[in-house]
Amino acid sequence: MYHKTGILPAYKGVPCSYNGDLYDPLLLDHFQRPRNVGELVAPAITVEVTNPACGDILRLSVLFEDGIVADVRYKTRGCTASIAAGSVLTMWLEAKQRMTLAELTADMIDQALGGLPMESRHAAVLCVDAVKAILRAGERG
């Protein structure tokens, strides 16, 4: 069950460390104050992608108007990095043309978060998977 903020309540405000090293302040900012949390209704396209290895789930909603992202929201259930990555993803998507969305890479999300530990890179890959799913769903509908 998703919390109304889009993240599990247990994650909100929890000190974040990974093997004793703090995450980058950019990542912590997006984790503690995630942007664009929520869902959009039709005609927005909503997809849900899962990382079967760790169980993280990302639900992404994108509204296109004239081929441009007019609004975007997300919800996630997962680790600190996944929550922050979803937030950064929505900011990257804002006002992008549909045809440029395929340019997103996991490295771009990683860099936007100030660098992810190798064990957390799955969060960036999950974002790319969600964008690919949005593009596929848009082709069908």
Protein backbone atom coordinates (compact mmCIF):
# COMPACT_ATOMS: atom_id res chain seq x y z
CA MET A 1 0.00 0.00 0.00
CA TYR A 2 1.32 3.42 -0.95
CA HIS A 3 1.37 6.23 1.58
CA LYS A 4 -0.39 9.44 0.50
CA THR A 5 3.03 11.01 -0.13
CA GLY A 6 3.82 8.24 -2.58
CA ILE A 7 6.35 6.53 -0.36
CA LEU A 8 6.06 4.10 2.48
CA PRO A 9 5.72 5.92 5.81
CA ALA A 10 8.68 4.07 7.26
CA TYR A 11 11.01 5.79 4.80
CA LYS A 12 9.98 9.39 5.51
CA GLY A 13 12.60 11.22 7.52
CA VAL A 14 14.74 8.18 8.22
CA PRO A 15 18.47 8.97 8.35
CA CYS A 16 19.97 7.59 5.16
CA SER A 17 23.29 5.86 5.12
CA TYR A 18 24.73 3.12 3.02
CA ASN A 19 27.57 1.07 4.48
CA GLY A 20 28.38 4.02 6.73
CA ASP A 21 28.73 6.52 3.86
CA LEU A 22 26.07 9.14 3.48
CA TYR A 23 24.29 9.46 0.18
CA ASP A 24 24.98 12.58 -1.84
CA PRO A 25 23.03 15.62 -0.58
CA LEU A 26 21.17 15.79 -3.93
CA LEU A 27 19.84 12.28 -3.41
CA LEU A 28 18.92 13.01 0.20
CA ASP A 29 17.04 16.13 -0.84
CA HIS A 30 14.92 14.19 -3.35
CA PHE A 31 14.37 11.40 -0.85
CA GLN A 32 13.28 13.69 1.96
CA ARG A 33 11.31 16.10 -0.25
CA PRO A 34 10.22 14.12 -3.31
CA ARG A 35 8.82 16.20 -6.17
CA ASN A 36 5.75 15.44 -8.28
CA VAL A 37 4.36 12.67 -6.09
CA GLY A 38 0.97 11.30 -7.04
CA GLU A 39 -0.93 9.96 -10.01
CA LEU A 40 -2.67 11.48 -13.00
CA VAL A 41 -5.98 10.35 -14.44
CA ALA A 42 -6.72 9.61 -18.08
CA PRO A 43 -5.86 10.77 -20.63
CA ALA A 44 -2.48 10.53 -18.91
CA ILE A 45 -0.52 7.36 -19.54
CA THR A 46 0.27 5.43 -16.37
CA VAL A 47 2.65 2.48 -16.17
CA GLU A 48 4.06 0.42 -13.36
CA VAL A 49 7.47 -1.25 -13.53
CA THR A 50 9.10 -3.56 -11.02
CA ASN A 51 12.62 -4.69 -10.30
CA PRO A 52 12.10 -8.39 -9.61
CA ALA A 53 15.48 -8.72 -7.90
CA CYS A 54 14.81 -6.20 -5.11
CA GLY A 55 11.04 -5.71 -5.35
CA ASP A 56 11.09 -1.94 -5.94
CA ILE A 57 8.03 -0.64 -7.78
CA LEU A 58 7.74 2.60 -9.74
CA ARG A 59 4.39 3.89 -10.98
CA LEU A 60 4.78 6.73 -13.48
CA SER A 61 2.00 8.90 -14.93
CA VAL A 62 2.67 11.23 -17.86
CA LEU A 63 0.25 13.59 -19.58
CA PHE A 64 1.22 14.62 -23.11
CA GLU A 65 -0.20 17.65 -24.85
CA ASP A 66 0.81 18.20 -28.46
CA GLY A 67 3.67 15.72 -28.05
CA ILE A 68 5.14 17.48 -25.00
CA VAL A 69 5.07 16.34 -21.37
CA ALA A 70 2.50 18.65 -19.81
CA ASP A 71 2.37 16.98 -16.39
CA VAL A 72 4.08 14.09 -14.64
CA ARG A 73 3.64 12.29 -11.33
CA TYR A 74 5.10 9.22 -9.69
CA LYS A 75 4.69 6.85 -6.78
CA THR A 76 7.25 4.36 -5.65
CA ARG A 77 7.67 1.61 -3.15
CA GLY A 78 11.28 0.86 -2.61
CA CYS A 79 14.59 1.93 -1.21
CA THR A 80 15.93 5.42 -0.59
CA ALA A 81 17.57 5.54 -4.00
CA SER A 82 14.37 4.52 -5.81
CA ILE A 83 12.34 7.21 -4.10
CA ALA A 84 14.91 9.86 -4.97
CA ALA A 85 15.37 8.57 -8.52
CA GLY A 86 11.63 8.77 -9.20
CA SER A 87 11.63 12.38 -8.05
CA VAL A 88 14.59 13.29 -10.28
CA LEU A 89 12.99 11.44 -13.18
CA THR A 90 9.84 13.54 -12.99
CA MET A 91 11.88 16.72 -13.02
CA TRP A 92 13.82 15.53 -16.06
CA LEU A 93 10.61 14.66 -17.89
CA GLU A 94 8.96 18.06 -17.39
CA ALA A 95 8.31 19.86 -20.71
CA LYS A 96 10.26 17.27 -22.75
CA GLN A 97 9.13 16.33 -26.24
CA ARG A 98 7.91 12.75 -26.50
CA MET A 99 10.46 11.94 -29.19
CA THR A 100 13.36 12.90 -26.88
CA LEU A 101 12.31 10.68 -23.97
CA ALA A 102 14.12 7.67 -25.43
CA GLU A 103 17.40 9.56 -24.86
CA LEU A 104 17.17 8.98 -21.09
CA THR A 105 19.90 6.73 -19.69
CA ALA A 106 20.54 5.30 -16.24
CA ASP A 107 23.75 7.35 -16.15
CA MET A 108 21.73 10.56 -16.50
CA ILE A 109 19.62 9.68 -13.44
CA ASP A 110 22.74 8.59 -11.57
CA GLN A 111 24.47 11.91 -12.29
CA ALA A 112 21.38 13.94 -11.39
CA LEU A 113 21.46 12.30 -7.96
CA GLY A 114 25.14 13.05 -7.42
CA GLY A 115 26.14 9.45 -7.97
CA LEU A 116 24.58 6.24 -6.74
CA PRO A 117 26.41 3.43 -4.96
CA MET A 118 26.75 0.47 -7.33
CA GLU A 119 24.27 -1.47 -5.19
CA SER A 120 21.66 1.26 -5.77
CA ARG A 121 22.05 1.66 -9.55
CA HIS A 122 18.94 -0.46 -10.01
CA ALA A 123 16.94 2.67 -9.10
CA ALA A 124 18.21 4.50 -12.19
CA VAL A 125 17.53 1.47 -14.38
CA LEU A 126 13.97 1.32 -13.03
CA CYS A 127 13.44 4.91 -14.18
CA VAL A 128 14.61 4.10 -17.69
CA ASP A 129 12.35 1.05 -17.74
CA ALA A 130 9.38 3.24 -16.75
CA VAL A 131 10.06 5.74 -19.53
CA LYS A 132 10.35 2.92 -22.07
CA ALA A 133 7.02 1.57 -20.82
CA ILE A 134 5.43 5.01 -21.20
CA LEU A 135 6.67 5.22 -24.79
CA ARG A 136 5.39 1.71 -25.60
CA ALA A 137 2.01 2.43 -24.02
CA GLY A 138 1.78 5.69 -26.00
CA GLU A 139 2.35 3.82 -29.24
CA ARG A 140 -0.54 1.47 -28.46
CA GLY A 141 -2.95 4.14 -27.35
